[in-house]
Amino acid sequence: MMSVGEMAHAVVDVAGEVHGTGSEVIGAVTPDVRRVLLVWDAPNLDMGLGAILGGRPTAAYRPRFDALGRWLLARTAELSVGSVTRVEPEATVFTNIAPGTADVVRPWVEALRNVGYAVFAKPKIDEDSDVDADMLAHIELRSRGAGLAGIMVASADGQAFREPLERLAANGIPVQILGFREHASWAVTSDTLEFVDLEDIPGVFREPLPRVSLDSLPDEGAWLQPFRPLSALLTSRPAQGVA
């Protein structure tokens, strides 16, 4: 089985053959534009938010992508100062579409596109249908041409993103990880990557998240909800057990 990195290279090879369908196609590269890239890992962040809330988010706890977009625009203006090439923001949400959910997800996808986000949607066929390789391929393609002026990856998946993003940071590209501090200790403690908690971005959440930290438990204790149901053990690939 290929690693995520090897799968990403395979996706790049395929995407690079796509032509003539506009600048939003994953393979399109504009050589005279440097991009401030935002990549949003929807499956990973949905799981992290669900763990914090103990269930599906209500409207008050769903991320506001318009607020996130304004933050990206401000970050782009900051990174554009002194640049001799044009710098533009680009935001893409990567998501899986489970069978039978297209009609439910469609309004959310259309709302994102209306705000100005591209959406990469992939059918959720099995455990190997995640979008990690597609996100890494997108980042690699956008690194070509004039390259990146900055990158923000919204995910807690350190296994997939840590090494590629550390390489970009080592090349002088500002890298920020967006997410929840409870689930991204690899980024919070990194010496080369900057971590930004999504709740610290103005307006992304309408109400404060009901967060519980092991470092600041209430005297009466607190419930920590599972990240996934036990039944997932019946369908997931074998992994190292919990001692």
Protein backbone atom coordinates (compact mmCIF):
# COMPACT_ATOMS: atom_id res chain seq x y z
CA MET A 1 0.00 0.00 0.00
CA MET A 2 1.29 3.45 -0.91
CA SER A 3 1.98 6.04 1.74
CA VAL A 4 0.03 9.31 1.76
CA GLY A 5 3.04 11.07 0.26
CA GLU A 6 3.33 8.54 -2.58
CA MET A 7 -0.40 8.84 -3.26
CA ALA A 8 -0.03 12.63 -3.37
CA HIS A 9 2.64 12.36 -6.07
CA ALA A 10 0.36 10.09 -8.06
CA VAL A 11 -2.47 12.61 -7.77
CA VAL A 12 -0.11 15.38 -8.93
CA ASP A 13 0.77 13.36 -12.03
CA VAL A 14 -2.90 12.96 -12.90
CA ALA A 15 -3.88 16.53 -12.04
CA GLY A 16 -1.03 17.94 -14.10
CA GLU A 17 -2.65 16.46 -17.21
CA VAL A 18 -5.87 18.45 -16.69
CA HIS A 19 -6.13 21.48 -18.98
CA GLY A 20 -8.55 24.15 -20.10
CA THR A 21 -11.12 24.13 -17.29
CA GLY A 22 -10.18 27.27 -15.41
CA SER A 23 -7.91 28.45 -12.63
CA GLU A 24 -9.83 26.57 -9.92
CA VAL A 25 -8.75 23.18 -11.29
CA ILE A 26 -6.26 21.57 -8.97
CA GLY A 27 -3.67 21.31 -11.77
CA ALA A 28 -3.80 24.95 -12.89
CA VAL A 29 -0.64 26.92 -12.08
CA THR A 30 -0.24 30.64 -12.71
CA PRO A 31 3.48 31.35 -13.04
CA ASP A 32 3.35 35.08 -12.22
CA VAL A 33 1.18 34.86 -9.08
CA ARG A 34 2.26 33.86 -5.59
CA ARG A 35 -0.54 32.44 -3.53
CA VAL A 36 -1.52 32.59 0.11
CA LEU A 37 -3.09 29.18 0.30
CA LEU A 38 -5.75 28.01 2.74
CA VAL A 39 -6.48 24.28 2.76
CA TRP A 40 -9.38 23.11 4.94
CA ASP A 41 -9.54 19.42 5.92
CA ALA A 42 -13.30 19.12 6.47
CA PRO A 43 -13.46 15.45 7.61
CA ASN A 44 -10.70 15.95 10.16
CA LEU A 45 -12.03 19.22 11.56
CA ASP A 46 -15.61 17.94 11.67
CA MET A 47 -14.40 15.05 13.82
CA GLY A 48 -12.42 17.39 16.09
CA LEU A 49 -15.33 19.79 16.51
CA GLY A 50 -17.71 16.92 17.18
CA ALA A 51 -15.38 15.65 19.90
CA ILE A 52 -15.36 19.06 21.60
CA LEU A 53 -19.14 19.41 21.40
CA GLY A 54 -19.98 15.79 22.12
CA GLY A 55 -22.15 15.59 19.01
CA ARG A 56 -23.11 17.33 15.79
CA PRO A 57 -22.68 21.13 15.91
CA THR A 58 -25.69 23.40 16.00
CA ALA A 59 -25.73 26.65 14.01
CA ALA A 60 -24.03 28.50 16.89
CA TYR A 61 -21.03 26.19 16.73
CA ARG A 62 -20.56 25.78 12.99
CA PRO A 63 -17.49 27.60 11.60
CA ARG A 64 -18.30 30.83 9.75
CA PHE A 65 -16.33 30.68 6.53
CA ASP A 66 -17.02 34.33 5.72
CA ALA A 67 -15.14 35.35 8.89
CA LEU A 68 -12.34 32.94 8.02
CA GLY A 69 -12.21 34.43 4.52
CA ARG A 70 -11.83 37.95 5.88
CA TRP A 71 -9.00 36.73 8.08
CA LEU A 72 -7.33 35.15 5.02
CA LEU A 73 -7.64 38.42 3.11
CA ALA A 74 -6.00 40.31 5.96
CA ARG A 75 -3.22 37.72 6.14
CA THR A 76 -2.72 38.03 2.37
CA ALA A 77 -2.40 41.81 2.62
CA GLU A 78 0.17 41.35 5.36
CA LEU A 79 2.23 38.89 3.32
CA SER A 80 1.96 41.06 0.19
CA VAL A 81 3.97 43.91 1.69
CA GLY A 82 7.23 44.27 -0.21
CA SER A 83 6.46 41.50 -2.72
CA VAL A 84 7.63 42.12 -6.30
CA THR A 85 5.06 39.64 -7.67
CA ARG A 86 1.30 39.68 -7.37
CA VAL A 87 0.02 37.87 -4.27
CA GLU A 88 -3.49 36.42 -4.20
CA PRO A 89 -5.45 34.41 -1.64
CA GLU A 90 -6.92 31.03 -2.51
CA ALA A 91 -9.06 28.91 -0.21
CA THR A 92 -10.19 25.34 -0.80
CA VAL A 93 -12.33 23.06 1.35
CA PHE A 94 -11.62 19.36 0.88
CA THR A 95 -14.44 17.03 1.84
CA ASN A 96 -15.83 13.53 1.44
CA ILE A 97 -19.37 12.87 0.27
CA ALA A 98 -20.85 9.71 1.77
CA PRO A 99 -23.34 7.72 -0.34
CA GLY A 100 -26.85 9.14 -0.13
CA THR A 101 -25.80 12.49 1.42
CA ALA A 102 -25.39 14.63 -1.71
CA ASP A 103 -28.71 16.44 -1.26
CA VAL A 104 -27.91 17.19 2.38
CA VAL A 105 -24.40 18.46 1.68
CA ARG A 106 -25.21 20.41 -1.50
CA PRO A 107 -26.45 23.64 0.22
CA TRP A 108 -23.26 23.77 2.31
CA VAL A 109 -21.06 23.28 -0.76
CA GLU A 110 -22.95 25.94 -2.71
CA ALA A 111 -22.72 28.37 0.22
CA LEU A 112 -18.94 27.88 0.36
CA ARG A 113 -18.62 28.53 -3.38
CA ASN A 114 -20.76 31.66 -3.06
CA VAL A 115 -18.42 33.01 -0.38
CA GLY A 116 -15.40 32.43 -2.65
CA TYR A 117 -14.07 29.02 -1.65
CA ALA A 118 -13.22 26.26 -4.06
CA VAL A 119 -14.47 22.84 -2.96
CA PHE A 120 -12.82 19.51 -3.70
CA ALA A 121 -15.42 16.79 -3.09
CA LYS A 122 -14.60 13.09 -3.19
CA PRO A 123 -16.93 10.11 -2.76
CA LYS A 124 -16.51 8.29 0.54
CA ILE A 125 -16.35 4.72 -0.71
CA ASP A 126 -14.18 3.06 1.94
CA GLU A 127 -11.55 3.77 4.60
CA ASP A 128 -9.01 4.64 1.89
CA SER A 129 -11.22 7.32 0.30
CA ASP A 130 -9.95 10.17 2.46
CA VAL A 131 -8.69 13.42 0.92
CA ASP A 132 -5.22 13.64 2.51
CA ALA A 133 -3.36 12.79 -0.70
CA ASP A 134 -5.47 15.27 -2.67
CA MET A 135 -4.68 18.07 -0.23
CA LEU A 136 -0.95 17.31 -0.36
CA ALA A 137 -1.06 17.21 -4.16
CA HIS A 138 -2.82 20.57 -4.23
CA ILE A 139 -0.17 22.08 -1.97
CA GLU A 140 2.62 20.68 -4.11
CA LEU A 141 1.10 22.04 -7.31
CA ARG A 142 0.58 25.48 -5.84
CA SER A 143 4.23 25.46 -4.78
CA ARG A 144 5.21 25.50 -8.45
CA GLY A 145 5.42 28.55 -10.70
CA ALA A 146 5.91 31.70 -8.64
CA GLY A 147 5.25 29.59 -5.55
CA LEU A 148 3.62 30.29 -2.22
CA ALA A 149 3.70 33.50 -0.23
CA GLY A 150 2.18 31.64 2.70
CA ILE A 151 0.11 28.62 3.55
CA MET A 152 -2.51 27.77 6.15
CA VAL A 153 -3.64 24.18 6.65
CA ALA A 154 -6.72 23.65 8.80
CA SER A 155 -6.28 20.12 10.14
CA ALA A 156 -5.08 18.17 13.14
CA ASP A 157 -3.63 15.37 10.99
CA GLY A 158 0.05 15.56 11.84
CA GLN A 159 0.77 12.18 10.28
CA ALA A 160 -0.14 13.50 6.83
CA PHE A 161 0.95 17.13 7.01
CA ARG A 162 3.74 17.60 9.50
CA GLU A 163 6.76 16.67 7.37
CA PRO A 164 5.62 18.36 4.11
CA LEU A 165 4.76 21.57 5.94
CA GLU A 166 8.01 21.57 7.90
CA ARG A 167 9.87 21.32 4.59
CA LEU A 168 8.00 24.35 3.28
CA ALA A 169 8.75 26.26 6.48
CA ALA A 170 12.45 25.33 6.15
CA ASN A 171 12.37 26.97 2.70
CA GLY A 172 11.20 30.24 4.21
CA ILE A 173 7.46 29.97 3.50
CA PRO A 174 5.27 31.13 6.40
CA VAL A 175 3.24 28.12 7.53
CA GLN A 176 0.29 28.19 9.90
CA ILE A 177 -1.73 25.27 11.23
CA LEU A 178 -5.35 26.09 12.03
CA GLY A 179 -7.33 23.84 14.32
CA PHE A 180 -8.13 22.99 17.92
CA ARG A 181 -5.27 22.95 20.41
CA GLU A 182 -6.70 19.82 22.08
CA HIS A 183 -6.13 17.77 18.94
CA ALA A 184 -2.99 19.24 17.36
CA SER A 185 -0.25 19.05 19.97
CA TRP A 186 2.27 18.34 17.18
CA ALA A 187 1.61 21.82 15.79
CA VAL A 188 1.18 23.60 19.13
CA THR A 189 4.63 22.45 20.26
CA SER A 190 6.39 22.79 16.89
CA ASP A 191 9.47 24.99 16.63
CA THR A 192 8.93 25.67 12.90
CA LEU A 193 5.15 25.76 12.44
CA GLU A 194 2.84 28.45 13.82
CA PHE A 195 -0.39 27.22 15.37
CA VAL A 196 -3.59 29.29 15.31
CA ASP A 197 -6.59 28.08 17.27
CA LEU A 198 -9.71 28.52 15.15
CA GLU A 199 -11.57 30.00 18.11
CA ASP A 200 -8.97 32.79 18.26
CA ILE A 201 -9.89 34.00 14.75
CA PRO A 202 -12.52 36.75 15.18
CA GLY A 203 -16.03 35.72 14.24
CA VAL A 204 -15.35 32.12 13.20
CA PHE A 205 -17.67 30.87 15.96
CA ARG A 206 -20.80 32.71 17.07
CA GLU A 207 -20.59 31.28 20.60
CA PRO A 208 -17.63 30.16 22.74
CA LEU A 209 -16.97 26.44 22.31
CA PRO A 210 -17.65 24.28 25.41
CA ARG A 211 -14.03 23.19 25.66
CA VAL A 212 -12.53 21.02 28.37
CA SER A 213 -8.77 20.78 28.85
CA LEU A 214 -6.98 18.20 30.96
CA ASP A 215 -4.87 21.08 32.23
CA SER A 216 -7.89 23.03 33.51
CA LEU A 217 -10.55 20.54 34.59
CA PRO A 218 -13.42 21.82 36.74
CA ASP A 219 -13.45 20.60 40.34
CA GLU A 220 -16.51 18.47 39.69
CA GLY A 221 -14.83 16.72 36.74
CA ALA A 222 -15.85 16.66 33.10
CA TRP A 223 -16.96 14.18 30.46
CA LEU A 224 -14.62 13.68 27.50
CA GLN A 225 -16.54 12.32 24.55
CA PRO A 226 -15.07 9.64 22.24
CA PHE A 227 -13.67 10.73 18.90
CA ARG A 228 -15.49 7.89 17.15
CA PRO A 229 -18.00 5.16 18.08
CA LEU A 230 -16.77 1.78 19.28
CA SER A 231 -18.55 0.20 16.31
CA ALA A 232 -15.87 1.74 14.08
CA LEU A 233 -13.53 -0.98 15.36
CA LEU A 234 -15.51 -3.47 13.29
CA THR A 235 -14.75 -1.74 9.99
CA SER A 236 -11.43 0.06 10.55
CA ARG A 237 -8.03 -1.34 9.71
CA PRO A 238 -6.14 -3.07 12.54
CA ALA A 239 -4.11 -0.62 14.61
CA GLN A 240 -2.03 -0.62 17.73
CA GLY A 241 -4.22 -1.08 20.80
CA VAL A 242 -4.48 1.16 23.83
CA ALA A 243 -2.44 -0.14 26.74
